[in-house]
N, C-alpha and C. Protein backbone atom coordinates (compact mmCIF):
# COMPACT_ATOMS: atom_id res chain seq x y z
N MET A 1 1.08 -1.27 0.08
CA MET A 1 0.19 -0.12 0.02
C MET A 1 0.84 1.17 0.09
N ASP A 2 2.07 1.06 0.89
CA ASP A 2 2.64 2.54 1.03
C ASP A 2 3.26 2.43 -0.22
N ILE A 3 3.91 1.63 -0.91
CA ILE A 3 4.19 1.53 -2.42
C ILE A 3 3.50 2.10 -3.49
N MET A 4 2.22 1.65 -3.43
CA MET A 4 1.47 2.57 -4.18
C MET A 4 1.24 3.88 -4.08
N LEU A 5 1.18 4.43 -2.78
CA LEU A 5 0.95 5.87 -2.35
C LEU A 5 2.31 6.56 -3.05
N SER A 6 3.30 5.95 -2.62
CA SER A 6 4.43 6.44 -2.89
C SER A 6 4.36 6.79 -4.46
N ALA A 7 4.24 5.65 -5.53
CA ALA A 7 4.21 5.66 -6.76
C ALA A 7 3.18 7.00 -7.49
N MET A 8 2.09 6.93 -6.53
CA MET A 8 1.23 7.99 -7.19
C MET A 8 1.84 9.17 -6.59
N MET A 9 2.21 9.63 -5.72
CA MET A 9 2.80 10.85 -5.16
C MET A 9 4.00 11.19 -6.11
N MET A 10 4.71 10.24 -6.77
CA MET A 10 6.00 10.75 -7.75
C MET A 10 5.25 10.95 -8.97
N ASN A 11 3.97 10.41 -9.38
CA ASN A 11 3.51 10.74 -10.77
C ASN A 11 3.08 12.32 -10.73
N PRO A 12 3.46 12.89 -11.84
CA PRO A 12 3.79 14.46 -12.08
C PRO A 12 2.22 14.89 -12.12
N LEU A 13 1.35 14.19 -12.56
CA LEU A 13 -0.16 14.68 -12.55
C LEU A 13 -0.83 14.50 -11.21
N TYR A 14 -0.26 13.64 -10.00
CA TYR A 14 -1.01 13.83 -8.95
C TYR A 14 -1.26 14.78 -8.09
N ASP A 15 -0.61 15.77 -8.25
CA ASP A 15 -0.51 16.66 -7.29
C ASP A 15 -0.84 18.13 -8.37
N MET A 16 -1.09 17.90 -9.47
CA MET A 16 -1.27 18.97 -10.39
C MET A 16 -2.68 19.52 -10.09
N PRO A 17 -2.87 21.02 -10.30
CA PRO A 17 -4.18 21.51 -9.80
C PRO A 17 -4.95 21.22 -11.28
N GLU A 18 -6.45 21.07 -10.77
CA GLU A 18 -7.18 20.37 -11.78
C GLU A 18 -7.45 21.49 -12.91
N ALA A 19 -7.04 23.18 -12.70
CA ALA A 19 -6.90 23.80 -14.15
C ALA A 19 -5.77 23.36 -15.15
N SER A 20 -4.59 23.17 -14.38
CA SER A 20 -3.68 22.98 -14.97
C SER A 20 -3.73 21.41 -15.84
N LEU A 21 -4.48 20.59 -15.15
CA LEU A 21 -4.54 19.20 -16.21
C LEU A 21 -5.54 19.64 -17.37
N GLU A 22 -6.43 20.26 -17.02
CA GLU A 22 -7.47 20.53 -18.10
C GLU A 22 -6.44 21.41 -19.33
N LEU A 23 -5.73 22.34 -18.82
CA LEU A 23 -4.89 22.84 -19.83
C LEU A 23 -3.83 21.97 -20.41
N LEU A 24 -3.47 20.55 -19.79
CA LEU A 24 -2.71 19.84 -20.46
C LEU A 24 -3.55 18.90 -21.62
N VAL A 25 -4.67 18.54 -21.11
CA VAL A 25 -5.31 17.70 -21.84
C VAL A 25 -5.85 18.66 -23.05
N SER A 26 -6.02 19.82 -23.04
CA SER A 26 -6.39 20.94 -23.78
C SER A 26 -5.32 20.68 -24.99
N ASP A 27 -4.09 20.90 -24.36
CA ASP A 27 -2.75 21.06 -25.15
C ASP A 27 -2.69 19.79 -26.29
N LEU A 28 -2.91 18.51 -25.70
CA LEU A 28 -2.62 17.44 -26.20
C LEU A 28 -3.71 17.32 -27.40
N ALA A 29 -5.00 17.55 -27.20
CA ALA A 29 -6.06 17.56 -28.03
C ALA A 29 -5.72 18.23 -29.16
N ALA A 30 -4.90 19.39 -28.94
CA ALA A 30 -4.67 20.47 -29.79
C ALA A 30 -3.59 20.15 -30.76
N LEU A 31 -2.59 19.56 -29.92
CA LEU A 31 -1.79 18.77 -30.71
C LEU A 31 -1.74 17.74 -31.66
N VAL A 32 -2.97 16.97 -31.25
CA VAL A 32 -3.41 15.69 -32.00
C VAL A 32 -3.87 16.16 -33.14
N HIS A 33 -4.72 17.45 -33.15
CA HIS A 33 -5.68 17.97 -33.81
C HIS A 33 -4.61 18.53 -35.04
N LEU A 34 -3.84 19.36 -34.82
CA LEU A 34 -2.72 19.83 -35.75
C LEU A 34 -2.01 18.75 -36.58
N LEU A 35 -1.55 17.72 -35.77
CA LEU A 35 -0.94 16.38 -36.53
C LEU A 35 -1.70 16.07 -37.52
N ALA A 36 -3.01 15.62 -37.10
CA ALA A 36 -4.18 14.94 -37.90
C ALA A 36 -3.98 15.51 -39.40
N VAL A 37 -4.03 16.87 -39.02
CA VAL A 37 -4.09 17.98 -40.23
C VAL A 37 -2.88 17.98 -41.22
N THR A 38 -1.85 18.06 -40.36
CA THR A 38 -0.67 18.00 -41.37
C THR A 38 -0.22 16.63 -42.04
N VAL A 39 -0.52 15.79 -41.22
CA VAL A 39 -0.33 14.21 -42.05
C VAL A 39 -1.35 14.16 -43.27
N ALA A 40 -2.74 14.33 -42.98
CA ALA A 40 -3.72 14.30 -43.81
C ALA A 40 -3.26 15.11 -45.12
N PHE A 41 -3.08 16.33 -44.75
CA PHE A 41 -2.83 17.34 -45.89
C PHE A 41 -1.53 16.81 -46.72
N GLY A 42 -0.54 16.52 -46.05
CA GLY A 42 0.69 16.23 -46.75
C GLY A 42 0.46 14.85 -47.64
N THR A 43 -0.74 14.02 -47.14
CA THR A 43 -0.64 12.79 -47.93
C THR A 43 -1.71 13.06 -49.12
N VAL A 44 -2.43 14.10 -49.08
CA VAL A 44 -3.35 14.50 -50.10
C VAL A 44 -2.62 15.41 -51.27
N ILE A 45 -1.32 16.04 -51.06
CA ILE A 45 -0.46 16.62 -51.69
C ILE A 45 0.33 15.72 -52.23
N PHE A 46 0.92 14.98 -51.66
CA PHE A 46 1.78 14.07 -52.28
C PHE A 46 1.08 13.18 -53.15
N THR A 47 -0.09 12.60 -52.96
CA THR A 47 -1.07 11.80 -53.84
C THR A 47 -1.49 12.61 -55.03
N ASP A 48 -1.71 13.77 -55.04
CA ASP A 48 -2.17 14.75 -56.30
C ASP A 48 -0.88 14.83 -56.91
N TYR A 49 0.12 15.30 -56.56
CA TYR A 49 1.27 15.51 -57.23
C TYR A 49 1.77 13.82 -58.16
N SER A 50 1.59 12.83 -57.54
CA SER A 50 2.03 11.37 -58.00
C SER A 50 1.10 11.34 -59.09
N THR A 51 -0.13 11.65 -58.93
CA THR A 51 -1.24 11.30 -59.92
C THR A 51 -1.07 12.13 -61.14
N LEU A 52 -0.66 13.31 -60.98
CA LEU A 52 -0.39 14.27 -62.26
C LEU A 52 1.04 13.75 -62.85
N LYS A 53 2.00 13.16 -62.05
CA LYS A 53 3.04 12.89 -62.88
C LYS A 53 2.91 11.50 -63.66
N ARG A 54 1.85 10.94 -63.50
CA ARG A 54 1.36 9.45 -64.10
C ARG A 54 0.59 9.52 -64.99
N VAL A 55 -0.16 10.78 -65.36
CA VAL A 55 -1.19 10.98 -66.22
C VAL A 55 -1.19 10.00 -67.66
N ARG A 56 0.14 9.96 -68.06
CA ARG A 56 0.04 9.37 -69.33
C ARG A 56 0.12 7.84 -69.09
N HIS A 57 0.40 7.49 -67.97
CA HIS A 57 0.61 6.03 -67.81
C HIS A 57 -0.49 5.10 -67.50
N PRO A 58 -0.40 3.66 -67.89
CA PRO A 58 -1.56 3.03 -67.53
C PRO A 58 -2.00 2.84 -66.05
N ILE A 59 -3.37 2.80 -65.87
CA ILE A 59 -3.78 2.61 -64.25
C ILE A 59 -3.33 1.19 -64.03
N ASP A 60 -2.36 0.99 -63.04
CA ASP A 60 -2.23 -0.56 -62.50
C ASP A 60 -2.73 -0.86 -61.25
N GLY A 61 -2.45 -2.15 -60.84
CA GLY A 61 -2.65 -2.49 -59.38
C GLY A 61 -2.05 -2.06 -58.46
N ASP A 62 -0.59 -1.76 -58.64
CA ASP A 62 0.36 -0.94 -57.71
C ASP A 62 -0.12 0.19 -57.47
N TRP A 63 -0.27 1.01 -58.42
CA TRP A 63 -0.90 2.52 -58.05
C TRP A 63 -2.30 2.51 -57.34
N LEU A 64 -3.29 1.71 -57.53
CA LEU A 64 -4.51 1.59 -57.12
C LEU A 64 -4.41 1.04 -55.65
N ASP A 65 -3.36 0.19 -55.35
CA ASP A 65 -3.22 0.23 -53.82
C ASP A 65 -2.26 1.04 -53.23
N SER A 66 -1.59 1.95 -53.80
CA SER A 66 -1.17 3.44 -53.21
C SER A 66 -2.07 3.93 -52.71
N LEU A 67 -2.91 4.32 -53.87
CA LEU A 67 -4.24 5.39 -53.52
C LEU A 67 -5.23 4.87 -52.36
N GLU A 68 -5.11 3.63 -52.14
CA GLU A 68 -5.89 2.89 -51.17
C GLU A 68 -5.51 2.99 -49.90
N ARG A 69 -4.08 2.88 -49.94
CA ARG A 69 -3.19 3.49 -48.38
C ARG A 69 -3.42 4.60 -48.26
N ALA A 70 -2.98 5.71 -49.27
CA ALA A 70 -3.09 7.13 -49.01
C ALA A 70 -4.57 7.35 -48.39
N HIS A 71 -5.50 6.67 -48.86
CA HIS A 71 -6.84 7.19 -48.41
C HIS A 71 -7.32 6.71 -47.18
N THR A 72 -6.62 5.58 -46.74
CA THR A 72 -6.54 5.11 -45.59
C THR A 72 -5.91 5.97 -44.39
N VAL A 73 -4.59 6.56 -44.60
CA VAL A 73 -3.89 7.38 -43.75
C VAL A 73 -4.69 8.82 -43.83
N ILE A 74 -5.53 9.15 -44.87
CA ILE A 74 -6.35 10.44 -44.75
C ILE A 74 -7.48 10.24 -44.08
N SER A 75 -8.27 8.88 -44.08
CA SER A 75 -9.44 8.83 -43.28
C SER A 75 -9.16 8.57 -41.81
N ALA A 76 -7.74 8.05 -41.59
CA ALA A 76 -7.43 8.11 -40.27
C ALA A 76 -7.22 9.50 -39.60
N GLY A 77 -6.63 10.30 -40.53
CA GLY A 77 -6.32 11.91 -40.11
C GLY A 77 -7.84 12.32 -40.07
N MET A 78 -8.77 11.94 -40.77
CA MET A 78 -10.04 12.62 -40.57
C MET A 78 -10.82 12.12 -39.28
N ILE A 79 -10.33 10.80 -38.80
CA ILE A 79 -11.04 10.31 -37.52
C ILE A 79 -10.50 11.07 -36.35
N MET A 80 -8.90 11.21 -36.26
CA MET A 80 -8.34 11.92 -35.34
C MET A 80 -8.96 13.60 -35.22
N LEU A 81 -9.07 14.06 -36.47
CA LEU A 81 -9.47 15.31 -36.51
C LEU A 81 -11.05 15.61 -35.99
N TRP A 82 -11.72 14.88 -35.92
CA TRP A 82 -13.05 14.49 -35.64
C TRP A 82 -13.11 14.45 -33.91
N VAL A 83 -12.48 13.55 -33.56
CA VAL A 83 -12.40 13.31 -32.12
C VAL A 83 -11.40 14.07 -31.29
N SER A 84 -10.49 14.97 -31.78
CA SER A 84 -9.85 15.81 -31.04
C SER A 84 -10.54 16.74 -31.29
N GLY A 85 -11.22 17.37 -32.45
CA GLY A 85 -11.83 18.39 -32.48
C GLY A 85 -13.29 18.56 -31.42
N ILE A 86 -13.81 17.53 -31.19
CA ILE A 86 -14.94 17.38 -30.34
C ILE A 86 -14.38 17.73 -28.84
N VAL A 87 -13.08 17.25 -28.64
CA VAL A 87 -12.54 17.32 -27.36
C VAL A 87 -12.47 18.89 -27.06
N LEU A 88 -11.75 19.39 -28.00
CA LEU A 88 -11.43 20.95 -28.08
C LEU A 88 -12.73 21.89 -27.87
N VAL A 89 -13.66 21.32 -28.72
CA VAL A 89 -15.01 22.26 -28.73
C VAL A 89 -15.69 22.05 -27.48
N GLY A 90 -15.87 20.86 -26.57
CA GLY A 90 -16.40 20.78 -25.58
C GLY A 90 -15.48 21.51 -24.20
N MET A 91 -14.22 21.64 -24.44
CA MET A 91 -13.30 22.06 -23.15
C MET A 91 -13.62 23.73 -23.41
N ARG A 92 -13.83 24.23 -24.74
CA ARG A 92 -13.97 25.49 -24.90
C ARG A 92 -14.82 26.34 -24.95
N THR A 93 -15.87 25.68 -25.31
CA THR A 93 -17.42 26.09 -25.43
C THR A 93 -18.32 25.53 -24.50
N GLY A 94 -18.16 24.20 -24.01
CA GLY A 94 -19.10 23.62 -23.34
C GLY A 94 -20.28 23.03 -24.35
N PHE A 95 -19.89 23.25 -25.46
CA PHE A 95 -20.99 22.62 -26.55
C PHE A 95 -22.31 23.85 -26.26
N GLN A 96 -22.05 25.17 -26.00
CA GLN A 96 -23.14 25.66 -26.00
C GLN A 96 -22.78 26.74 -27.42
N ALA A 97 -24.08 26.66 -28.08
CA ALA A 97 -24.07 27.18 -29.42
C ALA A 97 -23.35 29.01 -29.19
N ASP A 98 -24.03 29.55 -28.29
CA ASP A 98 -23.58 30.81 -28.14
C ASP A 98 -22.08 31.29 -27.91
N ASN A 99 -21.25 30.13 -27.11
CA ASN A 99 -19.82 30.26 -27.48
C ASN A 99 -19.07 29.94 -28.81
N PHE A 100 -19.67 29.61 -29.72
CA PHE A 100 -19.39 29.12 -31.02
C PHE A 100 -18.71 30.51 -31.87
N SER A 101 -17.73 30.38 -31.96
CA SER A 101 -17.24 31.77 -32.98
C SER A 101 -17.11 31.27 -34.42
N ALA A 102 -17.38 32.67 -35.34
CA ALA A 102 -17.45 32.28 -36.95
C ALA A 102 -16.32 31.16 -37.32
N LYS A 103 -14.97 31.22 -36.64
CA LYS A 103 -14.24 30.46 -37.05
C LYS A 103 -14.58 28.96 -36.80
N LEU A 104 -15.00 28.91 -35.66
CA LEU A 104 -15.50 27.50 -35.20
C LEU A 104 -16.69 26.82 -36.04
N ILE A 105 -17.31 27.74 -36.38
CA ILE A 105 -18.53 27.35 -37.24
C ILE A 105 -18.00 26.80 -38.69
N GLY A 106 -16.90 27.75 -39.34
CA GLY A 106 -16.24 27.72 -40.36
C GLY A 106 -15.63 26.06 -40.39
N LYS A 107 -15.03 25.89 -39.13
CA LYS A 107 -14.20 24.38 -39.39
C LYS A 107 -15.16 23.62 -39.17
N LEU A 108 -16.08 23.60 -38.30
CA LEU A 108 -17.36 22.67 -38.85
C LEU A 108 -17.70 22.32 -39.83
N ILE A 109 -17.82 23.18 -40.72
CA ILE A 109 -18.64 23.14 -42.17
C ILE A 109 -17.37 22.70 -42.70
N ILE A 110 -16.09 22.62 -42.65
CA ILE A 110 -14.86 22.19 -43.62
C ILE A 110 -14.68 21.02 -43.10
N VAL A 111 -14.62 20.33 -41.92
CA VAL A 111 -14.72 18.78 -41.79
C VAL A 111 -15.73 18.29 -42.06
N SER A 112 -16.96 18.76 -41.99
CA SER A 112 -18.10 18.01 -42.69
C SER A 112 -17.83 18.00 -44.11
N MET A 113 -17.68 19.09 -44.91
CA MET A 113 -17.16 19.03 -46.18
C MET A 113 -15.98 17.88 -46.66
N LEU A 114 -14.97 17.64 -45.60
CA LEU A 114 -14.07 16.67 -45.97
C LEU A 114 -14.43 15.22 -45.85
N ALA A 115 -15.66 15.27 -44.52
CA ALA A 115 -16.07 13.74 -44.43
C ALA A 115 -16.88 13.41 -45.95
N GLY A 116 -17.50 14.27 -46.16
CA GLY A 116 -18.41 14.12 -47.31
C GLY A 116 -17.53 13.65 -48.79
N THR A 117 -16.27 14.69 -49.03
CA THR A 117 -15.31 14.40 -49.97
C THR A 117 -14.66 12.92 -49.93
N ALA A 118 -14.31 12.50 -48.60
CA ALA A 118 -13.83 11.26 -48.34
C ALA A 118 -14.66 10.09 -48.81
N MET A 119 -16.13 10.04 -48.75
CA MET A 119 -16.81 9.29 -49.17
C MET A 119 -17.11 9.27 -50.71
N ALA A 120 -17.16 10.21 -51.30
CA ALA A 120 -17.18 10.50 -52.60
C ALA A 120 -15.85 9.80 -53.44
N ILE A 121 -14.85 10.28 -52.68
CA ILE A 121 -13.62 9.54 -53.25
C ILE A 121 -13.72 8.15 -53.31
N LYS A 122 -14.12 7.48 -52.04
CA LYS A 122 -14.42 5.99 -51.75
C LYS A 122 -15.29 5.27 -52.96
N PHE A 123 -16.48 5.98 -52.93
CA PHE A 123 -17.70 5.63 -53.66
C PHE A 123 -17.68 6.13 -55.14
N LEU A 124 -16.76 7.24 -55.31
CA LEU A 124 -17.16 7.45 -57.13
C LEU A 124 -15.66 7.59 -57.68
N VAL A 125 -14.69 8.01 -57.05
CA VAL A 125 -13.32 8.14 -57.64
C VAL A 125 -12.81 6.57 -57.87
N PHE A 126 -12.81 5.92 -56.78
CA PHE A 126 -12.09 4.39 -56.92
C PHE A 126 -12.90 3.49 -57.63
N PRO A 127 -14.11 3.59 -58.07
CA PRO A 127 -14.73 2.89 -58.96
C PRO A 127 -14.23 3.48 -60.26
N ILE A 128 -14.26 4.42 -60.72
CA ILE A 128 -13.96 4.89 -61.99
C ILE A 128 -12.30 4.56 -62.36
N LEU A 129 -11.67 4.49 -61.31
CA LEU A 129 -10.23 4.12 -61.43
C LEU A 129 -10.01 2.53 -61.56
N VAL A 130 -10.89 1.79 -60.92
CA VAL A 130 -10.73 0.39 -61.23
C VAL A 130 -11.48 -0.03 -62.42
N ARG A 131 -12.38 0.71 -62.90
CA ARG A 131 -12.80 0.23 -64.15
C ARG A 131 -11.89 0.60 -65.20
N ALA A 132 -11.14 1.84 -65.28
CA ALA A 132 -10.10 2.24 -66.19
C ALA A 132 -9.08 1.36 -66.06
N ARG A 133 -8.67 0.47 -65.22
CA ARG A 133 -7.44 -0.49 -65.24
C ARG A 133 -7.07 -0.61 -67.02
N GLY A 134 -5.42 -0.51 -66.84
CA GLY A 134 -4.93 -0.58 -67.95
C GLY A 134 -5.11 0.72 -69.24
N ARG A 135 -5.82 1.81 -68.69
CA ARG A 135 -5.87 2.73 -69.40
C ARG A 135 -5.07 3.95 -68.66
N ALA A 136 -4.65 5.10 -69.30
CA ALA A 136 -4.15 6.08 -68.78
C ALA A 136 -5.22 7.11 -68.15
N LEU A 137 -4.82 8.13 -66.95
CA LEU A 137 -5.82 8.95 -66.76
C LEU A 137 -5.97 9.85 -67.75
N PHE A 138 -5.20 10.18 -68.66
CA PHE A 138 -5.12 10.96 -69.91
C PHE A 138 -6.43 10.48 -70.75
N ALA A 139 -6.55 9.39 -70.75
CA ALA A 139 -7.67 8.76 -71.56
C ALA A 139 -8.76 8.63 -71.20
N LEU A 140 -9.16 9.27 -70.13
CA LEU A 140 -10.45 8.97 -69.55
C LEU A 140 -11.69 9.90 -70.10
N SER A 141 -12.96 9.60 -70.00
CA SER A 141 -13.69 10.63 -70.78
C SER A 141 -13.80 11.94 -69.66
N LEU A 142 -14.35 12.73 -70.52
CA LEU A 142 -14.65 14.35 -69.90
C LEU A 142 -15.24 14.27 -68.60
N PRO A 143 -16.45 13.47 -68.56
CA PRO A 143 -17.25 13.44 -67.49
C PRO A 143 -16.53 12.80 -66.23
N GLU A 144 -15.52 11.54 -66.25
CA GLU A 144 -14.87 11.12 -65.41
C GLU A 144 -13.72 11.92 -64.90
N LYS A 145 -13.31 12.76 -65.83
CA LYS A 145 -12.14 13.55 -65.14
C LYS A 145 -12.84 14.80 -64.55
N ARG A 146 -13.87 15.26 -64.58
CA ARG A 146 -14.61 16.31 -64.24
C ARG A 146 -14.81 15.70 -62.67
N GLN A 147 -15.39 14.09 -62.62
CA GLN A 147 -15.69 14.02 -61.13
C GLN A 147 -14.42 13.83 -60.32
N LEU A 148 -13.24 13.51 -61.03
CA LEU A 148 -11.93 13.29 -60.23
C LEU A 148 -11.45 14.57 -59.88
N ALA A 149 -11.74 15.43 -61.03
CA ALA A 149 -11.24 17.35 -60.43
C ALA A 149 -12.31 17.55 -59.38
N THR A 150 -13.46 17.36 -59.40
CA THR A 150 -14.41 17.83 -58.35
C THR A 150 -13.70 17.33 -57.02
N CYS A 151 -13.57 16.19 -57.03
CA CYS A 151 -13.14 15.74 -55.64
C CYS A 151 -11.56 15.96 -55.27
N GLY A 152 -10.76 15.91 -56.19
CA GLY A 152 -9.58 16.38 -55.84
C GLY A 152 -9.62 18.03 -55.41
N GLY A 153 -10.41 18.69 -56.07
CA GLY A 153 -10.43 20.13 -55.51
C GLY A 153 -10.95 20.48 -54.07
N LEU A 154 -11.88 19.60 -53.85
CA LEU A 154 -12.79 19.53 -52.85
C LEU A 154 -11.84 19.30 -51.90
N SER A 155 -10.98 18.41 -51.89
CA SER A 155 -10.05 17.78 -50.69
C SER A 155 -8.82 18.56 -50.69
N VAL A 156 -8.43 19.21 -51.69
CA VAL A 156 -7.08 20.18 -51.51
C VAL A 156 -7.60 21.34 -51.04
N ALA A 157 -8.74 21.93 -51.00
CA ALA A 157 -9.43 23.05 -50.57
C ALA A 157 -9.65 22.82 -49.15
N GLY A 158 -10.33 21.69 -49.07
CA GLY A 158 -10.62 21.53 -47.41
C GLY A 158 -9.43 21.20 -46.64
N TRP A 159 -8.63 20.42 -46.75
CA TRP A 159 -7.21 20.15 -45.80
C TRP A 159 -6.52 21.54 -45.88
N SER A 160 -6.47 22.62 -46.76
CA SER A 160 -5.49 23.57 -47.01
C SER A 160 -6.54 24.46 -45.76
N LEU A 161 -7.83 24.85 -45.93
CA LEU A 161 -8.42 25.42 -44.94
C LEU A 161 -8.50 25.01 -43.53
N ALA A 162 -8.48 23.66 -43.52
CA ALA A 162 -8.31 22.88 -42.01
C ALA A 162 -7.03 23.44 -41.32
N LEU A 163 -5.97 23.28 -42.30
CA LEU A 163 -4.28 23.61 -41.77
C LEU A 163 -4.45 25.10 -41.48
N LEU A 164 -5.29 25.80 -42.22
CA LEU A 164 -5.24 27.34 -42.08
C LEU A 164 -5.87 27.54 -40.66
N PHE A 165 -7.16 27.23 -40.63
CA PHE A 165 -7.94 27.60 -39.50
C PHE A 165 -7.47 27.14 -38.32
N GLY A 166 -7.00 25.83 -38.08
CA GLY A 166 -6.55 25.30 -37.00
C GLY A 166 -5.15 25.78 -36.56
N GLY A 167 -4.36 26.64 -37.35
CA GLY A 167 -3.21 27.33 -37.09
C GLY A 167 -3.12 28.63 -36.78
N SER A 168 -4.02 29.33 -37.23
CA SER A 168 -4.12 31.05 -37.41
C SER A 168 -4.76 31.56 -36.13
N THR A 169 -4.12 32.04 -35.31
CA THR A 169 -4.65 32.90 -34.46
C THR A 169 -5.24 34.37 -34.69
N ILE A 170 -5.27 34.71 -36.02
CA ILE A 170 -5.92 36.10 -36.30
C ILE A 170 -7.49 35.60 -36.69
N LEU A 171 -7.65 34.60 -37.09
CA LEU A 171 -8.93 34.20 -37.55
C LEU A 171 -10.12 34.01 -36.41
N LYS A 172 -9.17 33.77 -34.86
CA LYS A 172 -10.01 33.41 -33.89
C LYS A 172 -11.17 34.85 -33.61
N THR A 173 -10.84 35.97 -34.04
CA THR A 173 -11.73 36.98 -33.89
C THR A 173 -12.33 37.53 -35.44
N ALA A 174 -12.13 36.92 -36.20
CA ALA A 174 -12.70 36.89 -37.67
C ALA A 174 -14.17 36.97 -37.40
N GLY A 175 -14.84 37.73 -38.36
CA GLY A 175 -16.36 37.69 -38.31
C GLY A 175 -16.71 36.68 -39.56
N PRO A 176 -18.13 36.50 -39.43
CA PRO A 176 -18.66 35.49 -40.43
C PRO A 176 -18.33 35.81 -41.84
N SER A 177 -18.34 37.18 -42.17
CA SER A 177 -18.26 37.52 -43.84
C SER A 177 -16.61 37.31 -43.94
N THR A 178 -15.62 37.45 -43.15
CA THR A 178 -14.35 36.92 -43.30
C THR A 178 -13.85 35.76 -43.69
N VAL A 179 -14.40 34.96 -42.58
CA VAL A 179 -14.59 33.36 -42.66
C VAL A 179 -15.25 32.91 -43.95
N ALA A 180 -16.61 33.34 -44.38
CA ALA A 180 -16.83 32.97 -45.42
C ALA A 180 -16.18 33.00 -46.67
N PHE A 181 -15.85 34.53 -46.55
CA PHE A 181 -15.03 34.99 -48.06
C PHE A 181 -13.74 33.96 -48.14
N ILE A 182 -12.91 33.72 -47.21
CA ILE A 182 -11.90 32.72 -47.33
C ILE A 182 -11.98 31.54 -47.89
N THR A 183 -13.32 30.86 -46.97
CA THR A 183 -13.65 29.58 -47.47
C THR A 183 -14.22 29.65 -48.81
N LEU A 184 -15.24 30.47 -49.09
CA LEU A 184 -15.57 29.99 -50.55
C LEU A 184 -14.34 30.44 -51.57
N THR A 185 -13.72 31.56 -51.24
CA THR A 185 -12.27 31.47 -52.16
C THR A 185 -11.71 30.53 -52.05
N ALA A 186 -11.05 29.66 -51.28
CA ALA A 186 -10.24 28.65 -51.21
C ALA A 186 -11.21 27.41 -52.11
N TYR A 187 -12.45 27.02 -52.01
CA TYR A 187 -12.86 26.03 -52.47
C TYR A 187 -13.05 26.38 -54.29
N ALA A 188 -13.34 27.61 -54.38
CA ALA A 188 -13.78 28.03 -55.98
C ALA A 188 -12.32 28.14 -56.67
N SER A 189 -11.13 28.71 -55.85
CA SER A 189 -10.19 28.23 -56.40
C SER A 189 -9.59 26.95 -56.79
N ALA A 190 -9.46 26.15 -56.08
CA ALA A 190 -9.23 24.57 -56.17
C ALA A 190 -10.21 24.16 -57.06
N LEU A 191 -11.46 24.45 -57.14
CA LEU A 191 -12.23 23.75 -58.10
C LEU A 191 -11.79 24.20 -59.36
N LEU A 192 -11.58 25.78 -59.64
CA LEU A 192 -11.40 26.07 -60.87
C LEU A 192 -9.84 25.46 -61.34
N ALA A 193 -9.16 25.52 -60.56
CA ALA A 193 -7.62 24.98 -61.17
C ALA A 193 -7.97 23.56 -61.53
N CYS A 194 -8.30 22.84 -60.85
CA CYS A 194 -8.60 21.41 -61.17
C CYS A 194 -9.18 20.97 -62.29
N HIS A 195 -10.25 21.70 -62.50
CA HIS A 195 -11.51 21.46 -63.56
C HIS A 195 -10.66 21.98 -65.12
N SER A 196 -9.72 23.27 -64.59
CA SER A 196 -8.98 23.44 -65.82
C SER A 196 -7.90 22.67 -66.42
N VAL A 197 -7.23 21.91 -65.39
CA VAL A 197 -6.37 20.93 -65.59
C VAL A 197 -7.24 19.85 -66.55
N ALA A 198 -8.19 19.36 -65.91
CA ALA A 198 -9.14 18.32 -66.65
C ALA A 198 -9.35 18.59 -67.73
N THR A 199 -10.13 19.84 -68.03
CA THR A 199 -10.36 20.39 -69.37
C THR A 199 -9.13 20.45 -70.49
N LEU A 200 -7.98 20.83 -70.13
CA LEU A 200 -7.02 20.91 -70.80
C LEU A 200 -6.29 19.81 -71.36
N THR A 201 -6.11 18.69 -70.14
CA THR A 201 -5.62 17.27 -70.54
C THR A 201 -6.89 16.78 -71.61
N HIS A 202 -8.15 16.96 -71.43
CA HIS A 202 -9.05 16.33 -72.26
C HIS A 202 -8.92 16.99 -73.77
N GLN A 203 -8.39 18.00 -74.04
CA GLN A 203 -8.47 18.72 -75.18
C GLN A 203 -7.31 18.21 -75.80
N LYS A 204 -6.12 18.13 -74.99
CA LYS A 204 -4.90 17.74 -75.40
C LYS A 204 -4.97 16.05 -76.02
N SER A 205 -5.73 15.34 -75.25
CA SER A 205 -5.95 13.78 -75.42
C SER A 205 -6.85 13.99 -76.66
N TYR A 206 -7.96 14.85 -77.03
CA TYR A 206 -8.63 14.63 -77.99
C TYR A 206 -7.96 14.95 -79.49
N SER A 207 -7.27 16.08 -79.13
CA SER A 207 -6.46 16.56 -80.37
C SER A 207 -5.25 15.50 -80.65
N ARG A 208 -4.74 14.83 -79.72
CA ARG A 208 -3.85 13.66 -80.01
C ARG A 208 -4.48 12.70 -80.86
N GLN A 209 -5.56 12.21 -80.43
CA GLN A 209 -6.76 10.99 -81.15
C GLN A 209 -6.75 11.62 -82.56
N ILE A 210 -7.20 13.05 -82.85
CA ILE A 210 -7.40 13.09 -84.10
C ILE A 210 -6.33 13.27 -84.91
N ASP A 211 -4.89 13.48 -84.37
CA ASP A 211 -3.74 13.78 -85.03
C ASP A 211 -3.53 12.03 -85.39
N VAL A 212 -3.57 11.26 -84.46
CA VAL A 212 -3.42 9.85 -84.80
C VAL A 212 -4.16 9.37 -85.82
N SER A 213 -5.41 9.56 -85.83
CA SER A 213 -6.55 9.21 -87.04
C SER A 213 -5.94 9.60 -88.31
N GLY A 214 -5.47 10.87 -88.37
CA GLY A 214 -5.22 11.32 -89.62
C GLY A 214 -4.00 10.83 -90.36
N VAL A 215 -3.31 10.36 -89.40
CA VAL A 215 -1.92 9.93 -90.08
C VAL A 215 -2.27 8.78 -90.32
N ALA A 216 -3.14 7.76 -89.63
CA ALA A 216 -3.42 6.33 -90.27
C ALA A 216 -4.26 6.33 -91.42
N ALA A 217 -4.98 7.58 -91.32
CA ALA A 217 -5.88 7.62 -92.82
C ALA A 217 -4.87 7.77 -94.00
N GLU A 218 -3.95 8.76 -93.72
CA GLU A 218 -2.84 8.58 -94.74
C GLU A 218 -2.39 7.60 -95.23
């Protein structure tokens, strides 16, 4: 018994004030929150970059497996983001809507969008890629490219905003109009960029098919 009491007294958390313990839990939750965003965002950027590098190469099993692993990492980051976020919201607001800032509401919308995007990638994008096995991304139809572009744009914008909102202290006091402007601008810019790439690659692919057909006809 004495040994157990001695061990408890040696524990640095034993005599820690309740306020300090809450602060420690809050800091740990914030660290997990930021780590989840960083890992997931890095995985998204790496996956998008590797995808652009191989648009002309046939889709094979190895690449599909790497996408599955990346999606697993991103989904794990999403779960960590939600769990740590709920802890932080509970500790900082008591789940009272009156205590919700514009930044917090924006973050809730963003992570909800990210969850929806992850489901869309799983149930819309992956089936397209599986059906296209053996063909290059360059050769996909325009509607298929647009679906990939939409999910890619939503993913990049969402994780970029999650990183921005999670690390910014200036936005803590930002009003609804500022938060809405930043959010809409990020999503619109990412979607425009991704759809522009999809359209340009499709036009180049179509032009190349015409050139090949013309040469064959001659």
